[in-house]
Amino acid sequence: KTKRLTAFCAGILLAGLAGSALVMQKPEDSTVRIVQDGVVLFQTD
């Protein structure tokens, strides 16, 4: 059971790291916007 639990935890850790890497990537588009209370105040490339 310990080996299965260790493998399961390692799998979750790897999935989390892979997901984090995807989120941390810089988007291809360089358009940014500044939003306040859901209203776009400024947008530029």
ModelCIF file with pLDDT and N, C-alpha, C, O atoms, coordinates in Angstrom:
data_MODEL
#
_entry.id   MODEL 
#
_entity.id                         1 
_entity.type                       polymer 
_entity.pdbx_number_of_molecules   1 
#
_entity_poly.entity_id                      1 
_entity_poly.type                           'polypeptide(L)' 
_entity_poly.nstd_linkage                   no 
_entity_poly.nstd_monomer                   no 
_entity_poly.pdbx_seq_one_letter_code       KTKRLTAFCAGILLAGLAGSALVMQKPEDSTVRIVQDGVVLFQTD 
_entity_poly.pdbx_seq_one_letter_code_can   KTKRLTAFCAGILLAGLAGSALVMQKPEDSTVRIVQDGVVLFQTD 
_entity_poly.pdbx_strand_id                 A 
#
loop_
_entity_poly_seq.entity_id 
_entity_poly_seq.num 
_entity_poly_seq.mon_id 
_entity_poly_seq.hetero 
1 1  LYS n 
1 2  THR n 
1 3  LYS n 
1 4  ARG n 
1 5  LEU n 
1 6  THR n 
1 7  ALA n 
1 8  PHE n 
1 9  CYS n 
1 10 ALA n 
1 11 GLY n 
1 12 ILE n 
1 13 LEU n 
1 14 LEU n 
1 15 ALA n 
1 16 GLY n 
1 17 LEU n 
1 18 ALA n 
1 19 GLY n 
1 20 SER n 
1 21 ALA n 
1 22 LEU n 
1 23 VAL n 
1 24 MET n 
1 25 GLN n 
1 26 LYS n 
1 27 PRO n 
1 28 GLU n 
1 29 ASP n 
1 30 SER n 
1 31 THR n 
1 32 VAL n 
1 33 ARG n 
1 34 ILE n 
1 35 VAL n 
1 36 GLN n 
1 37 ASP n 
1 38 GLY n 
1 39 VAL n 
1 40 VAL n 
1 41 LEU n 
1 42 PHE n 
1 43 GLN n 
1 44 THR n 
1 45 ASP n 
#
_struct_asym.id          A 
_struct_asym.entity_id   1 
#
loop_
_ma_qa_metric.id 
_ma_qa_metric.mode 
_ma_qa_metric.name 
_ma_qa_metric.software_group_id 
_ma_qa_metric.type 
1 global pLDDT . pLDDT 
2 local  pLDDT . pLDDT 
#
_ma_qa_metric_global.metric_id      1 
_ma_qa_metric_global.metric_value   69.02 
_ma_qa_metric_global.model_id       1 
_ma_qa_metric_global.ordinal_id     1 
#
loop_
_ma_qa_metric_local.label_asym_id 
_ma_qa_metric_local.label_comp_id 
_ma_qa_metric_local.label_seq_id 
_ma_qa_metric_local.metric_id 
_ma_qa_metric_local.metric_value 
_ma_qa_metric_local.model_id 
_ma_qa_metric_local.ordinal_id 
A LYS 1  2 64.00 1 1  
A THR 2  2 64.00 1 2  
A LYS 3  2 62.00 1 3  
A ARG 4  2 63.00 1 4  
A LEU 5  2 52.00 1 5  
A THR 6  2 62.00 1 6  
A ALA 7  2 54.00 1 7  
A PHE 8  2 56.00 1 8  
A CYS 9  2 48.00 1 9  
A ALA 10 2 50.00 1 10 
A GLY 11 2 50.00 1 11 
A ILE 12 2 59.00 1 12 
A LEU 13 2 50.00 1 13 
A LEU 14 2 48.00 1 14 
A ALA 15 2 50.00 1 15 
A GLY 16 2 50.00 1 16 
A LEU 17 2 46.00 1 17 
A ALA 18 2 45.00 1 18 
A GLY 19 2 47.00 1 19 
A SER 20 2 48.00 1 20 
A ALA 21 2 44.00 1 21 
A LEU 22 2 44.00 1 22 
A VAL 23 2 47.00 1 23 
A MET 24 2 48.00 1 24 
A GLN 25 2 51.00 1 25 
A LYS 26 2 58.00 1 26 
A PRO 27 2 57.00 1 27 
A GLU 28 2 69.00 1 28 
A ASP 29 2 80.00 1 29 
A SER 30 2 91.00 1 30 
A THR 31 2 96.00 1 31 
A VAL 32 2 97.00 1 32 
A ARG 33 2 97.00 1 33 
A ILE 34 2 97.00 1 34 
A VAL 35 2 98.00 1 35 
A GLN 36 2 97.00 1 36 
A ASP 37 2 95.00 1 37 
A GLY 38 2 94.00 1 38 
A VAL 39 2 96.00 1 39 
A VAL 40 2 97.00 1 40 
A LEU 41 2 97.00 1 41 
A PHE 42 2 97.00 1 42 
A GLN 43 2 97.00 1 43 
A THR 44 2 97.00 1 44 
A ASP 45 2 97.00 1 45 
#
loop_
_atom_site.group_PDB 
_atom_site.id 
_atom_site.type_symbol 
_atom_site.label_atom_id 
_atom_site.label_alt_id 
_atom_site.label_comp_id 
_atom_site.label_asym_id 
_atom_site.label_entity_id 
_atom_site.label_seq_id 
_atom_site.pdbx_PDB_ins_code 
_atom_site.Cartn_x 
_atom_site.Cartn_y 
_atom_site.Cartn_z 
_atom_site.occupancy 
_atom_site.B_iso_or_equiv 
_atom_site.pdbx_formal_charge 
_atom_site.auth_seq_id 
_atom_site.auth_comp_id 
_atom_site.auth_asym_id 
_atom_site.auth_atom_id 
_atom_site.pdbx_PDB_model_num 
ATOM 1   N N  . LYS A 1 1  ? 0.825   -1.207 0.000   1.00 64.00 ? 1  LYS A N  1 
ATOM 2   C CA . LYS A 1 1  ? 0.000   0.000  0.000   1.00 64.00 ? 1  LYS A CA 1 
ATOM 3   C C  . LYS A 1 1  ? 0.859   1.256  0.000   1.00 64.00 ? 1  LYS A C  1 
ATOM 4   O O  . LYS A 1 1  ? 0.504   2.259  -0.620  1.00 64.00 ? 1  LYS A O  1 
ATOM 5   N N  . THR A 1 2  ? 1.986   1.198  0.695   1.00 64.00 ? 2  THR A N  1 
ATOM 6   C CA . THR A 1 2  ? 2.873   2.354  0.760   1.00 64.00 ? 2  THR A CA 1 
ATOM 7   C C  . THR A 1 2  ? 3.435   2.690  -0.615  1.00 64.00 ? 2  THR A C  1 
ATOM 8   O O  . THR A 1 2  ? 3.528   3.865  -0.973  1.00 64.00 ? 2  THR A O  1 
ATOM 9   N N  . LYS A 1 3  ? 3.810   1.680  -1.388  1.00 62.00 ? 3  LYS A N  1 
ATOM 10  C CA . LYS A 1 3  ? 4.344   1.908  -2.726  1.00 62.00 ? 3  LYS A CA 1 
ATOM 11  C C  . LYS A 1 3  ? 3.285   2.526  -3.635  1.00 62.00 ? 3  LYS A C  1 
ATOM 12  O O  . LYS A 1 3  ? 3.581   3.435  -4.410  1.00 62.00 ? 3  LYS A O  1 
ATOM 13  N N  . ARG A 1 4  ? 2.059   2.036  -3.540  1.00 63.00 ? 4  ARG A N  1 
ATOM 14  C CA . ARG A 1 4  ? 0.963   2.587  -4.355  1.00 63.00 ? 4  ARG A CA 1 
ATOM 15  C C  . ARG A 1 4  ? 0.683   4.034  -3.972  1.00 63.00 ? 4  ARG A C  1 
ATOM 16  O O  . ARG A 1 4  ? 0.481   4.890  -4.834  1.00 63.00 ? 4  ARG A O  1 
ATOM 17  N N  . LEU A 1 5  ? 0.673   4.294  -2.671  1.00 52.00 ? 5  LEU A N  1 
ATOM 18  C CA . LEU A 1 5  ? 0.422   5.657  -2.196  1.00 52.00 ? 5  LEU A CA 1 
ATOM 19  C C  . LEU A 1 5  ? 1.533   6.588  -2.650  1.00 52.00 ? 5  LEU A C  1 
ATOM 20  O O  . LEU A 1 5  ? 1.264   7.711  -3.074  1.00 52.00 ? 5  LEU A O  1 
ATOM 21  N N  . THR A 1 6  ? 2.767   6.140  -2.569  1.00 62.00 ? 6  THR A N  1 
ATOM 22  C CA . THR A 1 6  ? 3.906   6.947  -3.024  1.00 62.00 ? 6  THR A CA 1 
ATOM 23  C C  . THR A 1 6  ? 3.811   7.224  -4.517  1.00 62.00 ? 6  THR A C  1 
ATOM 24  O O  . THR A 1 6  ? 4.039   8.351  -4.955  1.00 62.00 ? 6  THR A O  1 
ATOM 25  N N  . ALA A 1 7  ? 3.479   6.212  -5.295  1.00 54.00 ? 7  ALA A N  1 
ATOM 26  C CA . ALA A 1 7  ? 3.337   6.391  -6.744  1.00 54.00 ? 7  ALA A CA 1 
ATOM 27  C C  . ALA A 1 7  ? 2.188   7.329  -7.068  1.00 54.00 ? 7  ALA A C  1 
ATOM 28  O O  . ALA A 1 7  ? 2.291   8.150  -7.979  1.00 54.00 ? 7  ALA A O  1 
ATOM 29  N N  . PHE A 1 8  ? 1.089   7.212  -6.324  1.00 56.00 ? 8  PHE A N  1 
ATOM 30  C CA . PHE A 1 8  ? -0.063  8.090  -6.526  1.00 56.00 ? 8  PHE A CA 1 
ATOM 31  C C  . PHE A 1 8  ? 0.310   9.539  -6.220  1.00 56.00 ? 8  PHE A C  1 
ATOM 32  O O  . PHE A 1 8  ? -0.014  10.442 -6.992  1.00 56.00 ? 8  PHE A O  1 
ATOM 33  N N  . CYS A 1 9  ? 0.987   9.762  -5.102  1.00 48.00 ? 9  CYS A N  1 
ATOM 34  C CA . CYS A 1 9  ? 1.408   11.116 -4.710  1.00 48.00 ? 9  CYS A CA 1 
ATOM 35  C C  . CYS A 1 9  ? 2.390   11.698 -5.723  1.00 48.00 ? 9  CYS A C  1 
ATOM 36  O O  . CYS A 1 9  ? 2.316   12.880 -6.059  1.00 48.00 ? 9  CYS A O  1 
ATOM 37  N N  . ALA A 1 10 ? 3.297   10.873 -6.202  1.00 50.00 ? 10 ALA A N  1 
ATOM 38  C CA . ALA A 1 10 ? 4.255   11.326 -7.216  1.00 50.00 ? 10 ALA A CA 1 
ATOM 39  C C  . ALA A 1 10 ? 3.523   11.711 -8.498  1.00 50.00 ? 10 ALA A C  1 
ATOM 40  O O  . ALA A 1 10 ? 3.876   12.701 -9.139  1.00 50.00 ? 10 ALA A O  1 
ATOM 41  N N  . GLY A 1 11 ? 2.510   10.939 -8.875  1.00 50.00 ? 11 GLY A N  1 
ATOM 42  C CA . GLY A 1 11 ? 1.721   11.264 -10.063 1.00 50.00 ? 11 GLY A CA 1 
ATOM 43  C C  . GLY A 1 11 ? 0.990   12.584 -9.921  1.00 50.00 ? 11 GLY A C  1 
ATOM 44  O O  . GLY A 1 11 ? 0.944   13.382 -10.858 1.00 50.00 ? 11 GLY A O  1 
ATOM 45  N N  . ILE A 1 12 ? 0.423   12.811 -8.760  1.00 59.00 ? 12 ILE A N  1 
ATOM 46  C CA . ILE A 1 12 ? -0.272  14.084 -8.516  1.00 59.00 ? 12 ILE A CA 1 
ATOM 47  C C  . ILE A 1 12 ? 0.713   15.242 -8.564  1.00 59.00 ? 12 ILE A C  1 
ATOM 48  O O  . ILE A 1 12 ? 0.411   16.283 -9.147  1.00 59.00 ? 12 ILE A O  1 
ATOM 49  N N  . LEU A 1 13 ? 1.868   15.081 -7.972  1.00 50.00 ? 13 LEU A N  1 
ATOM 50  C CA . LEU A 1 13 ? 2.897   16.115 -7.981  1.00 50.00 ? 13 LEU A CA 1 
ATOM 51  C C  . LEU A 1 13 ? 3.328   16.441 -9.408  1.00 50.00 ? 13 LEU A C  1 
ATOM 52  O O  . LEU A 1 13 ? 3.427   17.613 -9.773  1.00 50.00 ? 13 LEU A O  1 
ATOM 53  N N  . LEU A 1 14 ? 3.584   15.421 -10.212 1.00 48.00 ? 14 LEU A N  1 
ATOM 54  C CA . LEU A 1 14 ? 3.990   15.647 -11.603 1.00 48.00 ? 14 LEU A CA 1 
ATOM 55  C C  . LEU A 1 14 ? 2.887   16.337 -12.407 1.00 48.00 ? 14 LEU A C  1 
ATOM 56  O O  . LEU A 1 14 ? 3.169   17.229 -13.206 1.00 48.00 ? 14 LEU A O  1 
ATOM 57  N N  . ALA A 1 15 ? 1.650   15.933 -12.202 1.00 50.00 ? 15 ALA A N  1 
ATOM 58  C CA . ALA A 1 15 ? 0.529   16.583 -12.900 1.00 50.00 ? 15 ALA A CA 1 
ATOM 59  C C  . ALA A 1 15 ? 0.426   18.044 -12.494 1.00 50.00 ? 15 ALA A C  1 
ATOM 60  O O  . ALA A 1 15 ? 0.175   18.910 -13.332 1.00 50.00 ? 15 ALA A O  1 
ATOM 61  N N  . GLY A 1 16 ? 0.617   18.317 -11.215 1.00 50.00 ? 16 GLY A N  1 
ATOM 62  C CA . GLY A 1 16 ? 0.581   19.702 -10.734 1.00 50.00 ? 16 GLY A CA 1 
ATOM 63  C C  . GLY A 1 16 ? 1.697   20.538 -11.318 1.00 50.00 ? 16 GLY A C  1 
ATOM 64  O O  . GLY A 1 16 ? 1.479   21.686 -11.706 1.00 50.00 ? 16 GLY A O  1 
ATOM 65  N N  . LEU A 1 17 ? 2.883   19.978 -11.385 1.00 46.00 ? 17 LEU A N  1 
ATOM 66  C CA . LEU A 1 17 ? 4.014   20.702 -11.978 1.00 46.00 ? 17 LEU A CA 1 
ATOM 67  C C  . LEU A 1 17 ? 3.786   20.970 -13.463 1.00 46.00 ? 17 LEU A C  1 
ATOM 68  O O  . LEU A 1 17 ? 4.087   22.060 -13.949 1.00 46.00 ? 17 LEU A O  1 
ATOM 69  N N  . ALA A 1 18 ? 3.264   19.998 -14.176 1.00 45.00 ? 18 ALA A N  1 
ATOM 70  C CA . ALA A 1 18 ? 2.981   20.182 -15.600 1.00 45.00 ? 18 ALA A CA 1 
ATOM 71  C C  . ALA A 1 18 ? 1.918   21.253 -15.803 1.00 45.00 ? 18 ALA A C  1 
ATOM 72  O O  . ALA A 1 18 ? 2.039   22.089 -16.699 1.00 45.00 ? 18 ALA A O  1 
ATOM 73  N N  . GLY A 1 19 ? 0.889   21.232 -14.983 1.00 47.00 ? 19 GLY A N  1 
ATOM 74  C CA . GLY A 1 19 ? -0.163  22.254 -15.070 1.00 47.00 ? 19 GLY A CA 1 
ATOM 75  C C  . GLY A 1 19 ? 0.377   23.632 -14.751 1.00 47.00 ? 19 GLY A C  1 
ATOM 76  O O  . GLY A 1 19 ? 0.007   24.607 -15.405 1.00 47.00 ? 19 GLY A O  1 
ATOM 77  N N  . SER A 1 20 ? 1.240   23.730 -13.764 1.00 48.00 ? 20 SER A N  1 
ATOM 78  C CA . SER A 1 20 ? 1.849   25.015 -13.404 1.00 48.00 ? 20 SER A CA 1 
ATOM 79  C C  . SER A 1 20 ? 2.695   25.550 -14.547 1.00 48.00 ? 20 SER A C  1 
ATOM 80  O O  . SER A 1 20 ? 2.683   26.749 -14.824 1.00 48.00 ? 20 SER A O  1 
ATOM 81  N N  . ALA A 1 21 ? 3.425   24.672 -15.208 1.00 44.00 ? 21 ALA A N  1 
ATOM 82  C CA . ALA A 1 21 ? 4.268   25.104 -16.320 1.00 44.00 ? 21 ALA A CA 1 
ATOM 83  C C  . ALA A 1 21 ? 3.413   25.688 -17.445 1.00 44.00 ? 21 ALA A C  1 
ATOM 84  O O  . ALA A 1 21 ? 3.805   26.671 -18.074 1.00 44.00 ? 21 ALA A O  1 
ATOM 85  N N  . LEU A 1 22 ? 2.261   25.097 -17.698 1.00 44.00 ? 22 LEU A N  1 
ATOM 86  C CA . LEU A 1 22 ? 1.380   25.619 -18.746 1.00 44.00 ? 22 LEU A CA 1 
ATOM 87  C C  . LEU A 1 22 ? 0.829   26.986 -18.375 1.00 44.00 ? 22 LEU A C  1 
ATOM 88  O O  . LEU A 1 22 ? 0.748   27.873 -19.226 1.00 44.00 ? 22 LEU A O  1 
ATOM 89  N N  . VAL A 1 23 ? 0.450   27.166 -17.123 1.00 47.00 ? 23 VAL A N  1 
ATOM 90  C CA . VAL A 1 23 ? -0.107  28.439 -16.669 1.00 47.00 ? 23 VAL A CA 1 
ATOM 91  C C  . VAL A 1 23 ? 0.958   29.524 -16.673 1.00 47.00 ? 23 VAL A C  1 
ATOM 92  O O  . VAL A 1 23 ? 0.657   30.681 -16.965 1.00 47.00 ? 23 VAL A O  1 
ATOM 93  N N  . MET A 1 24 ? 2.178   29.175 -16.359 1.00 48.00 ? 24 MET A N  1 
ATOM 94  C CA . MET A 1 24 ? 3.249   30.155 -16.227 1.00 48.00 ? 24 MET A CA 1 
ATOM 95  C C  . MET A 1 24 ? 3.824   30.612 -17.560 1.00 48.00 ? 24 MET A C  1 
ATOM 96  O O  . MET A 1 24 ? 4.587   31.578 -17.594 1.00 48.00 ? 24 MET A O  1 
ATOM 97  N N  . GLN A 1 25 ? 3.484   29.953 -18.652 1.00 51.00 ? 25 GLN A N  1 
ATOM 98  C CA . GLN A 1 25 ? 4.013   30.346 -19.950 1.00 51.00 ? 25 GLN A CA 1 
ATOM 99  C C  . GLN A 1 25 ? 3.467   31.706 -20.358 1.00 51.00 ? 25 GLN A C  1 
ATOM 100 O O  . GLN A 1 25 ? 2.319   32.046 -20.076 1.00 51.00 ? 25 GLN A O  1 
ATOM 101 N N  . LYS A 1 26 ? 4.314   32.470 -21.024 1.00 58.00 ? 26 LYS A N  1 
ATOM 102 C CA . LYS A 1 26 ? 3.886   33.761 -21.548 1.00 58.00 ? 26 LYS A CA 1 
ATOM 103 C C  . LYS A 1 26 ? 3.023   33.524 -22.788 1.00 58.00 ? 26 LYS A C  1 
ATOM 104 O O  . LYS A 1 26 ? 3.406   32.752 -23.667 1.00 58.00 ? 26 LYS A O  1 
ATOM 105 N N  . PRO A 1 27 ? 1.864   34.182 -22.867 1.00 57.00 ? 27 PRO A N  1 
ATOM 106 C CA . PRO A 1 27 ? 1.011   34.013 -24.040 1.00 57.00 ? 27 PRO A CA 1 
ATOM 107 C C  . PRO A 1 27 ? 1.709   34.492 -25.317 1.00 57.00 ? 27 PRO A C  1 
ATOM 108 O O  . PRO A 1 27 ? 2.589   35.351 -25.267 1.00 57.00 ? 27 PRO A O  1 
ATOM 109 N N  . GLU A 1 28 ? 1.314   33.938 -26.438 1.00 69.00 ? 28 GLU A N  1 
ATOM 110 C CA . GLU A 1 28 ? 1.904   34.334 -27.713 1.00 69.00 ? 28 GLU A CA 1 
ATOM 111 C C  . GLU A 1 28 ? 1.510   35.756 -28.091 1.00 69.00 ? 28 GLU A C  1 
ATOM 112 O O  . GLU A 1 28 ? 2.323   36.486 -28.659 1.00 69.00 ? 28 GLU A O  1 
ATOM 113 N N  . ASP A 1 29 ? 0.291   36.160 -27.790 1.00 80.00 ? 29 ASP A N  1 
ATOM 114 C CA . ASP A 1 29 ? -0.188  37.496 -28.098 1.00 80.00 ? 29 ASP A CA 1 
ATOM 115 C C  . ASP A 1 29 ? 0.375   38.472 -27.077 1.00 80.00 ? 29 ASP A C  1 
ATOM 116 O O  . ASP A 1 29 ? 0.431   38.157 -25.889 1.00 80.00 ? 29 ASP A O  1 
ATOM 117 N N  . SER A 1 30 ? 0.791   39.644 -27.518 1.00 91.00 ? 30 SER A N  1 
ATOM 118 C CA . SER A 1 30 ? 1.378   40.621 -26.614 1.00 91.00 ? 30 SER A CA 1 
ATOM 119 C C  . SER A 1 30 ? 0.392   41.736 -26.242 1.00 91.00 ? 30 SER A C  1 
ATOM 120 O O  . SER A 1 30 ? 0.800   42.779 -25.730 1.00 91.00 ? 30 SER A O  1 
ATOM 121 N N  . THR A 1 31 ? -0.886  41.520 -26.496 1.00 96.00 ? 31 THR A N  1 
ATOM 122 C CA . THR A 1 31 ? -1.896  42.513 -26.134 1.00 96.00 ? 31 THR A CA 1 
ATOM 123 C C  . THR A 1 31 ? -2.234  42.370 -24.656 1.00 96.00 ? 31 THR A C  1 
ATOM 124 O O  . THR A 1 31 ? -2.586  41.292 -24.179 1.00 96.00 ? 31 THR A O  1 
ATOM 125 N N  . VAL A 1 32 ? -2.116  43.489 -23.946 1.00 97.00 ? 32 VAL A N  1 
ATOM 126 C CA . VAL A 1 32 ? -2.454  43.507 -22.525 1.00 97.00 ? 32 VAL A CA 1 
ATOM 127 C C  . VAL A 1 32 ? -3.607  44.474 -22.309 1.00 97.00 ? 32 VAL A C  1 
ATOM 128 O O  . VAL A 1 32 ? -3.841  45.388 -23.099 1.00 97.00 ? 32 VAL A O  1 
ATOM 129 N N  . ARG A 1 33 ? -4.315  44.242 -21.216 1.00 97.00 ? 33 ARG A N  1 
ATOM 130 C CA . ARG A 1 33 ? -5.372  45.178 -20.862 1.00 97.00 ? 33 ARG A CA 1 
ATOM 131 C C  . ARG A 1 33 ? -5.353  45.408 -19.362 1.00 97.00 ? 33 ARG A C  1 
ATOM 132 O O  . ARG A 1 33 ? -4.957  44.548 -18.576 1.00 97.00 ? 33 ARG A O  1 
ATOM 133 N N  . ILE A 1 34 ? -5.793  46.597 -18.999 1.00 97.00 ? 34 ILE A N  1 
ATOM 134 C CA . ILE A 1 34 ? -5.892  46.979 -17.598 1.00 97.00 ? 34 ILE A CA 1 
ATOM 135 C C  . ILE A 1 34 ? -7.374  47.099 -17.289 1.00 97.00 ? 34 ILE A C  1 
ATOM 136 O O  . ILE A 1 34 ? -8.097  47.862 -17.930 1.00 97.00 ? 34 ILE A O  1 
ATOM 137 N N  . VAL A 1 35 ? -7.815  46.335 -16.298 1.00 98.00 ? 35 VAL A N  1 
ATOM 138 C CA . VAL A 1 35 ? -9.235  46.227 -15.975 1.00 98.00 ? 35 VAL A CA 1 
ATOM 139 C C  . VAL A 1 35 ? -9.450  46.631 -14.517 1.00 98.00 ? 35 VAL A C  1 
ATOM 140 O O  . VAL A 1 35 ? -8.664  46.286 -13.635 1.00 98.00 ? 35 VAL A O  1 
ATOM 141 N N  . GLN A 1 36 ? -10.536 47.372 -14.290 1.00 97.00 ? 36 GLN A N  1 
ATOM 142 C CA . GLN A 1 36 ? -10.924 47.740 -12.928 1.00 97.00 ? 36 GLN A CA 1 
ATOM 143 C C  . GLN A 1 36 ? -12.419 47.533 -12.789 1.00 97.00 ? 36 GLN A C  1 
ATOM 144 O O  . GLN A 1 36 ? -13.205 48.133 -13.522 1.00 97.00 ? 36 GLN A O  1 
ATOM 145 N N  . ASP A 1 37 ? -12.812 46.688 -11.855 1.00 95.00 ? 37 ASP A N  1 
ATOM 146 C CA . ASP A 1 37 ? -14.219 46.342 -11.637 1.00 95.00 ? 37 ASP A CA 1 
ATOM 147 C C  . ASP A 1 37 ? -14.905 45.876 -12.919 1.00 95.00 ? 37 ASP A C  1 
ATOM 148 O O  . ASP A 1 37 ? -16.054 46.231 -13.181 1.00 95.00 ? 37 ASP A O  1 
ATOM 149 N N  . GLY A 1 38 ? -14.193 45.081 -13.710 1.00 94.00 ? 38 GLY A N  1 
ATOM 150 C CA . GLY A 1 38 ? -14.764 44.519 -14.930 1.00 94.00 ? 38 GLY A CA 1 
ATOM 151 C C  . GLY A 1 38 ? -14.780 45.452 -16.122 1.00 94.00 ? 38 GLY A C  1 
ATOM 152 O O  . GLY A 1 38 ? -15.233 45.062 -17.198 1.00 94.00 ? 38 GLY A O  1 
ATOM 153 N N  . VAL A 1 39 ? -14.296 46.679 -15.959 1.00 96.00 ? 39 VAL A N  1 
ATOM 154 C CA . VAL A 1 39 ? -14.275 47.655 -17.049 1.00 96.00 ? 39 VAL A CA 1 
ATOM 155 C C  . VAL A 1 39 ? -12.848 47.772 -17.578 1.00 96.00 ? 39 VAL A C  1 
ATOM 156 O O  . VAL A 1 39 ? -11.911 48.000 -16.813 1.00 96.00 ? 39 VAL A O  1 
ATOM 157 N N  . VAL A 1 40 ? -12.691 47.614 -18.889 1.00 97.00 ? 40 VAL A N  1 
ATOM 158 C CA . VAL A 1 40 ? -11.375 47.764 -19.503 1.00 97.00 ? 40 VAL A CA 1 
ATOM 159 C C  . VAL A 1 40 ? -11.043 49.249 -19.562 1.00 97.00 ? 40 VAL A C  1 
ATOM 160 O O  . VAL A 1 40 ? -11.704 50.019 -20.259 1.00 97.00 ? 40 VAL A O  1 
ATOM 161 N N  . LEU A 1 41 ? -10.008 49.641 -18.820 1.00 97.00 ? 41 LEU A N  1 
ATOM 162 C CA . LEU A 1 41 ? -9.593  51.039 -18.785 1.00 97.00 ? 41 LEU A CA 1 
ATOM 163 C C  . LEU A 1 41 ? -8.567  51.372 -19.859 1.00 97.00 ? 41 LEU A C  1 
ATOM 164 O O  . LEU A 1 41 ? -8.484  52.507 -20.327 1.00 97.00 ? 41 LEU A O  1 
ATOM 165 N N  . PHE A 1 42 ? -7.786  50.362 -20.241 1.00 97.00 ? 42 PHE A N  1 
ATOM 166 C CA . PHE A 1 42 ? -6.702  50.596 -21.196 1.00 97.00 ? 42 PHE A CA 1 
ATOM 167 C C  . PHE A 1 42 ? -6.334  49.261 -21.825 1.00 97.00 ? 42 PHE A C  1 
ATOM 168 O O  . PHE A 1 42 ? -6.326  48.227 -21.157 1.00 97.00 ? 42 PHE A O  1 
ATOM 169 N N  . GLN A 1 43 ? -6.030  49.296 -23.115 1.00 97.00 ? 43 GLN A N  1 
ATOM 170 C CA . GLN A 1 43 ? -5.589  48.090 -23.815 1.00 97.00 ? 43 GLN A CA 1 
ATOM 171 C C  . GLN A 1 43 ? -4.565  48.493 -24.854 1.00 97.00 ? 43 GLN A C  1 
ATOM 172 O O  . GLN A 1 43 ? -4.733  49.503 -25.538 1.00 97.00 ? 43 GLN A O  1 
ATOM 173 N N  . THR A 1 44 ? -3.498  47.707 -24.978 1.00 97.00 ? 44 THR A N  1 
ATOM 174 C CA . THR A 1 44 ? -2.469  48.004 -25.967 1.00 97.00 ? 44 THR A CA 1 
ATOM 175 C C  . THR A 1 44 ? -1.701  46.741 -26.323 1.00 97.00 ? 44 THR A C  1 
ATOM 176 O O  . THR A 1 44 ? -1.684  45.772 -25.563 1.00 97.00 ? 44 THR A O  1 
ATOM 177 N N  . ASP A 1 45 ? -1.078  46.766 -27.468 1.00 97.00 ? 45 ASP A N  1 
ATOM 178 C CA . ASP A 1 45 ? -0.152  45.713 -27.876 1.00 97.00 ? 45 ASP A CA 1 
ATOM 179 C C  . ASP A 1 45 ? 1.233   46.159 -27.412 1.00 97.00 ? 45 ASP A C  1 
ATOM 180 O O  . ASP A 1 45 ? 2.214   45.449 -27.628 1.00 97.00 ? 45 ASP A O  1 
#
